[in-house]
Amino acid sequence: VVVGLLDEPELLSQRDLEIDLDAGHVCIVGGANSGKTTALLTIATALARKWGPHEVHIYGVDFAGGGLGPLDQLPHSGGVAAQHEPARVEWVLSALRDVVGARLAAGGFATPRIVVLVDNFPSLWSMLQNADTGQGATGDLAEVMDLGRSVGVTFAITTERVDALRGNFMAMMGTRLALP
């Protein structure tokens, strides 16, 4: 999906910036006010323009102050779970685990494609580690991200620092965008 314009000054050219959802998850790294949330919303808008609601479902997990709220305006949106709604966040992750499990049992990729936008992934991870479910919840998230790639479940996450992510997560990121 085309999400922007890539400027290549050394080549004196510009071209479409495309994200290949089949290549793995997307990681957007940048400091405060660098445009990470806007990048997630841009991805959602690009997906909604390219595919209909029966072809792609978009979910938001917002741990960065409410910027993903506009996702609810898209007919493709399955909703946004916010940091102050831990039960809803855990429900979304549980539902994703069930979808991935069902798709694996059925033989693989299925439609609709599911795209999960997570704004401030390290805060989500921290909340899951501190929840009553502890390591089980973080293990479920890691498993959904790992196995989901092959069955049409893609995550686009943001973080302020790349070293805030464990190495196994960075290995799952097919696209990495750094914002100044």
C-alpha atoms as a PDB file:
ATOM      1  CA  VAL A   1       0.000   0.000   0.000  1.00  0.00           C
ATOM      2  CA  VAL A   2       1.314   3.481  -0.848  1.00  0.00           C
ATOM      3  CA  VAL A   3       1.656   5.593   2.304  1.00  0.00           C
ATOM      4  CA  GLY A   4       3.666   8.581   1.156  1.00  0.00           C
ATOM      5  CA  LEU A   5       6.346  10.066  -1.009  1.00  0.00           C
ATOM      6  CA  LEU A   6       9.974   9.051  -0.570  1.00  0.00           C
ATOM      7  CA  ASP A   7      12.515  11.753  -1.335  1.00  0.00           C
ATOM      8  CA  GLU A   8      15.871  10.487  -2.581  1.00  0.00           C
ATOM      9  CA  PRO A   9      17.984  13.653  -2.918  1.00  0.00           C
ATOM     10  CA  GLU A  10      21.171  11.733  -3.728  1.00  0.00           C
ATOM     11  CA  LEU A  11      19.383  10.331  -6.781  1.00  0.00           C
ATOM     12  CA  LEU A  12      17.534  13.575  -7.501  1.00  0.00           C
ATOM     13  CA  SER A  13      14.275  11.664  -7.472  1.00  0.00           C
ATOM     14  CA  GLN A  14      11.073  11.008  -5.594  1.00  0.00           C
ATOM     15  CA  ARG A  15       8.951   7.894  -5.636  1.00  0.00           C
ATOM     16  CA  ASP A  16       5.994   6.364  -3.844  1.00  0.00           C
ATOM     17  CA  LEU A  17       6.733   5.008  -0.386  1.00  0.00           C
ATOM     18  CA  GLU A  18       5.113   1.603  -0.300  1.00  0.00           C
ATOM     19  CA  ILE A  19       4.610  -0.784   2.575  1.00  0.00           C
ATOM     20  CA  ASP A  20       4.383  -4.462   1.694  1.00  0.00           C
ATOM     21  CA  LEU A  21       2.137  -6.048   4.323  1.00  0.00           C
ATOM     22  CA  ASP A  22       3.236  -9.503   3.184  1.00  0.00           C
ATOM     23  CA  ALA A  23       6.854  -8.670   4.108  1.00  0.00           C
ATOM     24  CA  GLY A  24       6.102  -8.605   7.826  1.00  0.00           C
ATOM     25  CA  HIS A  25       5.109  -6.100  10.425  1.00  0.00           C
ATOM     26  CA  VAL A  26       5.842  -2.375  10.311  1.00  0.00           C
ATOM     27  CA  CYS A  27       7.882  -0.519  12.942  1.00  0.00           C
ATOM     28  CA  ILE A  28       7.845   3.276  13.067  1.00  0.00           C
ATOM     29  CA  VAL A  29      10.553   4.817  15.250  1.00  0.00           C
ATOM     30  CA  GLY A  30      10.739   8.461  16.217  1.00  0.00           C
ATOM     31  CA  GLY A  31      10.920  10.885  19.076  1.00  0.00           C
ATOM     32  CA  ALA A  32       8.050  12.806  20.606  1.00  0.00           C
ATOM     33  CA  ASN A  33       6.041  14.801  18.052  1.00  0.00           C
ATOM     34  CA  SER A  34       7.899  13.234  15.111  1.00  0.00           C
ATOM     35  CA  GLY A  35       4.721  12.015  13.394  1.00  0.00           C
ATOM     36  CA  LYS A  36       4.452   8.392  14.526  1.00  0.00           C
ATOM     37  CA  THR A  37       0.710   8.541  15.230  1.00  0.00           C
ATOM     38  CA  THR A  38       0.125  10.396  11.962  1.00  0.00           C
ATOM     39  CA  ALA A  39       2.059   7.652  10.163  1.00  0.00           C
ATOM     40  CA  LEU A  40      -0.255   5.004  11.661  1.00  0.00           C
ATOM     41  CA  LEU A  41      -3.335   6.987  10.621  1.00  0.00           C
ATOM     42  CA  THR A  42      -1.844   7.393   7.143  1.00  0.00           C
ATOM     43  CA  ILE A  43      -1.398   3.629   6.883  1.00  0.00           C
ATOM     44  CA  ALA A  44      -5.037   3.127   7.925  1.00  0.00           C
ATOM     45  CA  THR A  45      -6.270   5.680   5.400  1.00  0.00           C
ATOM     46  CA  ALA A  46      -4.201   4.138   2.602  1.00  0.00           C
ATOM     47  CA  LEU A  47      -5.567   0.684   3.430  1.00  0.00           C
ATOM     48  CA  ALA A  48      -9.141   1.994   3.475  1.00  0.00           C
ATOM     49  CA  ARG A  49      -8.660   3.655   0.086  1.00  0.00           C
ATOM     50  CA  LYS A  50      -7.219   0.522  -1.491  1.00  0.00           C
ATOM     51  CA  TRP A  51      -9.504  -2.156  -0.019  1.00  0.00           C
ATOM     52  CA  GLY A  52     -13.107  -2.349   1.090  1.00  0.00           C
ATOM     53  CA  PRO A  53     -14.299  -3.181   4.633  1.00  0.00           C
ATOM     54  CA  HIS A  54     -14.811  -6.819   3.651  1.00  0.00           C
ATOM     55  CA  GLU A  55     -11.147  -7.046   2.543  1.00  0.00           C
ATOM     56  CA  VAL A  56      -9.332  -5.396   5.465  1.00  0.00           C
ATOM     57  CA  HIS A  57     -10.183  -4.862   9.122  1.00  0.00           C
ATOM     58  CA  ILE A  58      -8.233  -2.280  11.106  1.00  0.00           C
ATOM     59  CA  TYR A  59      -7.853  -2.266  14.891  1.00  0.00           C
ATOM     60  CA  GLY A  60      -6.143   0.300  17.074  1.00  0.00           C
ATOM     61  CA  VAL A  61      -4.370  -0.147  20.399  1.00  0.00           C
ATOM     62  CA  ASP A  62      -3.637   3.359  21.648  1.00  0.00           C
ATOM     63  CA  PHE A  63      -1.026   3.817  24.360  1.00  0.00           C
ATOM     64  CA  ALA A  64       0.041   7.284  23.244  1.00  0.00           C
ATOM     65  CA  GLY A  65      -2.697   9.671  24.308  1.00  0.00           C
ATOM     66  CA  GLY A  66      -5.725   9.103  22.105  1.00  0.00           C
ATOM     67  CA  GLY A  67      -4.408   9.959  18.645  1.00  0.00           C
ATOM     68  CA  LEU A  68      -5.876   6.809  17.066  1.00  0.00           C
ATOM     69  CA  GLY A  69      -9.449   7.894  17.806  1.00  0.00           C
ATOM     70  CA  PRO A  70     -10.119   8.889  14.159  1.00  0.00           C
ATOM     71  CA  LEU A  71      -9.880   5.198  13.203  1.00  0.00           C
ATOM     72  CA  ASP A  72     -13.425   4.796  14.502  1.00  0.00           C
ATOM     73  CA  GLN A  73     -14.624   6.886  11.527  1.00  0.00           C
ATOM     74  CA  LEU A  74     -13.513   4.228   9.033  1.00  0.00           C
ATOM     75  CA  PRO A  75     -16.004   1.513   8.091  1.00  0.00           C
ATOM     76  CA  HIS A  76     -12.997  -0.854   8.190  1.00  0.00           C
ATOM     77  CA  SER A  77     -12.422  -0.201  11.896  1.00  0.00           C
ATOM     78  CA  GLY A  78     -13.027  -2.843  14.501  1.00  0.00           C
ATOM     79  CA  GLY A  79     -12.434  -0.220  17.180  1.00  0.00           C
ATOM     80  CA  VAL A  80      -9.709   1.329  19.251  1.00  0.00           C
ATOM     81  CA  ALA A  81      -8.677   0.007  22.668  1.00  0.00           C
ATOM     82  CA  ALA A  82      -6.961   2.614  24.812  1.00  0.00           C
ATOM     83  CA  GLN A  83      -4.433   2.460  27.603  1.00  0.00           C
ATOM     84  CA  HIS A  84      -7.063   3.299  30.216  1.00  0.00           C
ATOM     85  CA  GLU A  85      -9.111   0.257  29.103  1.00  0.00           C
ATOM     86  CA  PRO A  86      -6.906  -2.712  30.059  1.00  0.00           C
ATOM     87  CA  ALA A  87      -9.757  -5.230  29.889  1.00  0.00           C
ATOM     88  CA  ARG A  88     -10.595  -4.118  26.342  1.00  0.00           C
ATOM     89  CA  VAL A  89      -6.933  -4.265  25.305  1.00  0.00           C
ATOM     90  CA  GLU A  90      -6.649  -7.808  26.633  1.00  0.00           C
ATOM     91  CA  TRP A  91      -9.910  -8.750  24.882  1.00  0.00           C
ATOM     92  CA  VAL A  92      -8.544  -7.492  21.539  1.00  0.00           C
ATOM     93  CA  LEU A  93      -5.353  -9.518  22.001  1.00  0.00           C
ATOM     94  CA  SER A  94      -7.353 -12.597  22.998  1.00  0.00           C
ATOM     95  CA  ALA A  95      -9.599 -12.216  19.939  1.00  0.00           C
ATOM     96  CA  LEU A  96      -6.522 -11.893  17.716  1.00  0.00           C
ATOM     97  CA  ARG A  97      -5.051 -15.043  19.254  1.00  0.00           C
ATOM     98  CA  ASP A  98      -8.294 -16.880  18.449  1.00  0.00           C
ATOM     99  CA  VAL A  99      -8.345 -15.578  14.857  1.00  0.00           C
ATOM    100  CA  VAL A 100      -4.737 -16.593  14.273  1.00  0.00           C
ATOM    101  CA  GLY A 101      -5.377 -20.030  15.767  1.00  0.00           C
ATOM    102  CA  ALA A 102      -8.492 -20.569  13.629  1.00  0.00           C
ATOM    103  CA  ARG A 103      -6.716 -19.456  10.467  1.00  0.00           C
ATOM    104  CA  LEU A 104      -3.757 -21.722  11.166  1.00  0.00           C
ATOM    105  CA  ALA A 105      -6.121 -24.644  11.767  1.00  0.00           C
ATOM    106  CA  ALA A 106      -7.911 -23.870   8.493  1.00  0.00           C
ATOM    107  CA  GLY A 107      -4.690 -23.926   6.525  1.00  0.00           C
ATOM    108  CA  GLY A 108      -3.351 -20.387   6.376  1.00  0.00           C
ATOM    109  CA  PHE A 109      -4.075 -16.939   5.011  1.00  0.00           C
ATOM    110  CA  ALA A 110      -7.678 -15.850   5.005  1.00  0.00           C
ATOM    111  CA  THR A 111      -9.569 -12.674   4.325  1.00  0.00           C
ATOM    112  CA  PRO A 112     -10.172 -10.173   5.565  1.00  0.00           C
ATOM    113  CA  ARG A 113      -6.607  -9.061   6.164  1.00  0.00           C
ATOM    114  CA  ILE A 114      -6.309  -7.749   9.711  1.00  0.00           C
ATOM    115  CA  VAL A 115      -4.066  -4.786  10.475  1.00  0.00           C
ATOM    116  CA  VAL A 116      -3.428  -3.851  14.101  1.00  0.00           C
ATOM    117  CA  LEU A 117      -2.031  -0.382  14.743  1.00  0.00           C
ATOM    118  CA  VAL A 118      -0.246  -0.104  18.102  1.00  0.00           C
ATOM    119  CA  ASP A 119       0.774   3.380  19.147  1.00  0.00           C
ATOM    120  CA  ASN A 120       3.569   3.148  21.750  1.00  0.00           C
ATOM    121  CA  PHE A 121       4.268  -0.585  21.703  1.00  0.00           C
ATOM    122  CA  PRO A 122       6.690  -0.538  24.678  1.00  0.00           C
ATOM    123  CA  SER A 123       3.921   0.829  26.929  1.00  0.00           C
ATOM    124  CA  LEU A 124       1.557  -1.923  25.780  1.00  0.00           C
ATOM    125  CA  TRP A 125       4.241  -4.519  26.514  1.00  0.00           C
ATOM    126  CA  SER A 126       4.841  -3.028  29.962  1.00  0.00           C
ATOM    127  CA  MET A 127       1.111  -3.058  30.775  1.00  0.00           C
ATOM    128  CA  LEU A 128       0.833  -6.694  29.735  1.00  0.00           C
ATOM    129  CA  GLN A 129       3.840  -7.654  31.866  1.00  0.00           C
ATOM    130  CA  ASN A 130       2.335  -5.928  34.892  1.00  0.00           C
ATOM    131  CA  ALA A 131      -1.177  -7.349  34.397  1.00  0.00           C
ATOM    132  CA  ASP A 132      -2.499 -10.257  36.438  1.00  0.00           C
ATOM    133  CA  THR A 133      -1.913 -12.527  33.445  1.00  0.00           C
ATOM    134  CA  GLY A 134       1.758 -11.484  33.387  1.00  0.00           C
ATOM    135  CA  GLN A 135       4.017 -13.532  31.150  1.00  0.00           C
ATOM    136  CA  GLY A 136       1.047 -15.327  29.595  1.00  0.00           C
ATOM    137  CA  ALA A 137      -0.246 -12.108  28.031  1.00  0.00           C
ATOM    138  CA  THR A 138       3.154 -11.087  26.677  1.00  0.00           C
ATOM    139  CA  GLY A 139       3.672 -14.599  25.366  1.00  0.00           C
ATOM    140  CA  ASP A 140       0.290 -14.479  23.632  1.00  0.00           C
ATOM    141  CA  LEU A 141       1.148 -11.159  21.983  1.00  0.00           C
ATOM    142  CA  ALA A 142       4.520 -12.443  20.797  1.00  0.00           C
ATOM    143  CA  GLU A 143       2.886 -15.591  19.420  1.00  0.00           C
ATOM    144  CA  VAL A 144       0.119 -13.655  17.641  1.00  0.00           C
ATOM    145  CA  MET A 145       2.706 -11.398  16.030  1.00  0.00           C
ATOM    146  CA  ASP A 146       4.950 -14.288  15.028  1.00  0.00           C
ATOM    147  CA  LEU A 147       2.302 -16.656  13.676  1.00  0.00           C
ATOM    148  CA  GLY A 148      -0.066 -13.955  12.447  1.00  0.00           C
ATOM    149  CA  ARG A 149       2.263 -12.859   9.670  1.00  0.00           C
ATOM    150  CA  SER A 150       1.534 -16.027   7.698  1.00  0.00           C
ATOM    151  CA  VAL A 151      -2.260 -15.828   8.054  1.00  0.00           C
ATOM    152  CA  GLY A 152      -2.981 -12.202   7.184  1.00  0.00           C
ATOM    153  CA  VAL A 153      -2.545 -10.477  10.550  1.00  0.00           C
ATOM    154  CA  THR A 154      -0.120  -7.559  10.350  1.00  0.00           C
ATOM    155  CA  PHE A 155       0.943  -5.151  13.089  1.00  0.00           C
ATOM    156  CA  ALA A 156       2.151  -1.602  12.582  1.00  0.00           C
ATOM    157  CA  ILE A 157       3.751  -0.380  15.797  1.00  0.00           C
ATOM    158  CA  THR A 158       5.426   2.768  17.043  1.00  0.00           C
ATOM    159  CA  THR A 159       8.249   3.253  19.502  1.00  0.00           C
ATOM    160  CA  GLU A 160      10.449   6.164  20.476  1.00  0.00           C
ATOM    161  CA  ARG A 161      13.619   4.072  20.539  1.00  0.00           C
ATOM    162  CA  VAL A 162      14.457   0.975  18.575  1.00  0.00           C
ATOM    163  CA  ASP A 163      16.321  -0.468  21.572  1.00  0.00           C
ATOM    164  CA  ALA A 164      13.015  -0.473  23.482  1.00  0.00           C
ATOM    165  CA  LEU A 165      12.020  -3.578  21.494  1.00  0.00           C
ATOM    166  CA  ARG A 166      13.314  -7.052  22.150  1.00  0.00           C
ATOM    167  CA  GLY A 167      15.398  -8.518  19.345  1.00  0.00           C
ATOM    168  CA  ASN A 168      12.814 -11.118  18.368  1.00  0.00           C
ATOM    169  CA  PHE A 169      10.305  -8.342  17.661  1.00  0.00           C
ATOM    170  CA  MET A 170      12.708  -6.418  15.454  1.00  0.00           C
ATOM    171  CA  ALA A 171      13.292  -9.598  13.448  1.00  0.00           C
ATOM    172  CA  MET A 172       9.546  -9.679  12.635  1.00  0.00           C
ATOM    173  CA  MET A 173       9.547  -6.150  11.245  1.00  0.00           C
ATOM    174  CA  GLY A 174       9.562  -6.282   7.454  1.00  0.00           C
ATOM    175  CA  THR A 175       9.398  -2.507   7.178  1.00  0.00           C
ATOM    176  CA  ARG A 176      11.186  -0.066   9.468  1.00  0.00           C
ATOM    177  CA  LEU A 177      10.577   3.647   9.196  1.00  0.00           C
ATOM    178  CA  ALA A 178      12.681   6.162  11.117  1.00  0.00           C
ATOM    179  CA  LEU A 179      11.231   9.621  11.651  1.00  0.00           C
ATOM    180  CA  PRO A 180      13.577  12.466  12.587  1.00  0.00           C
END
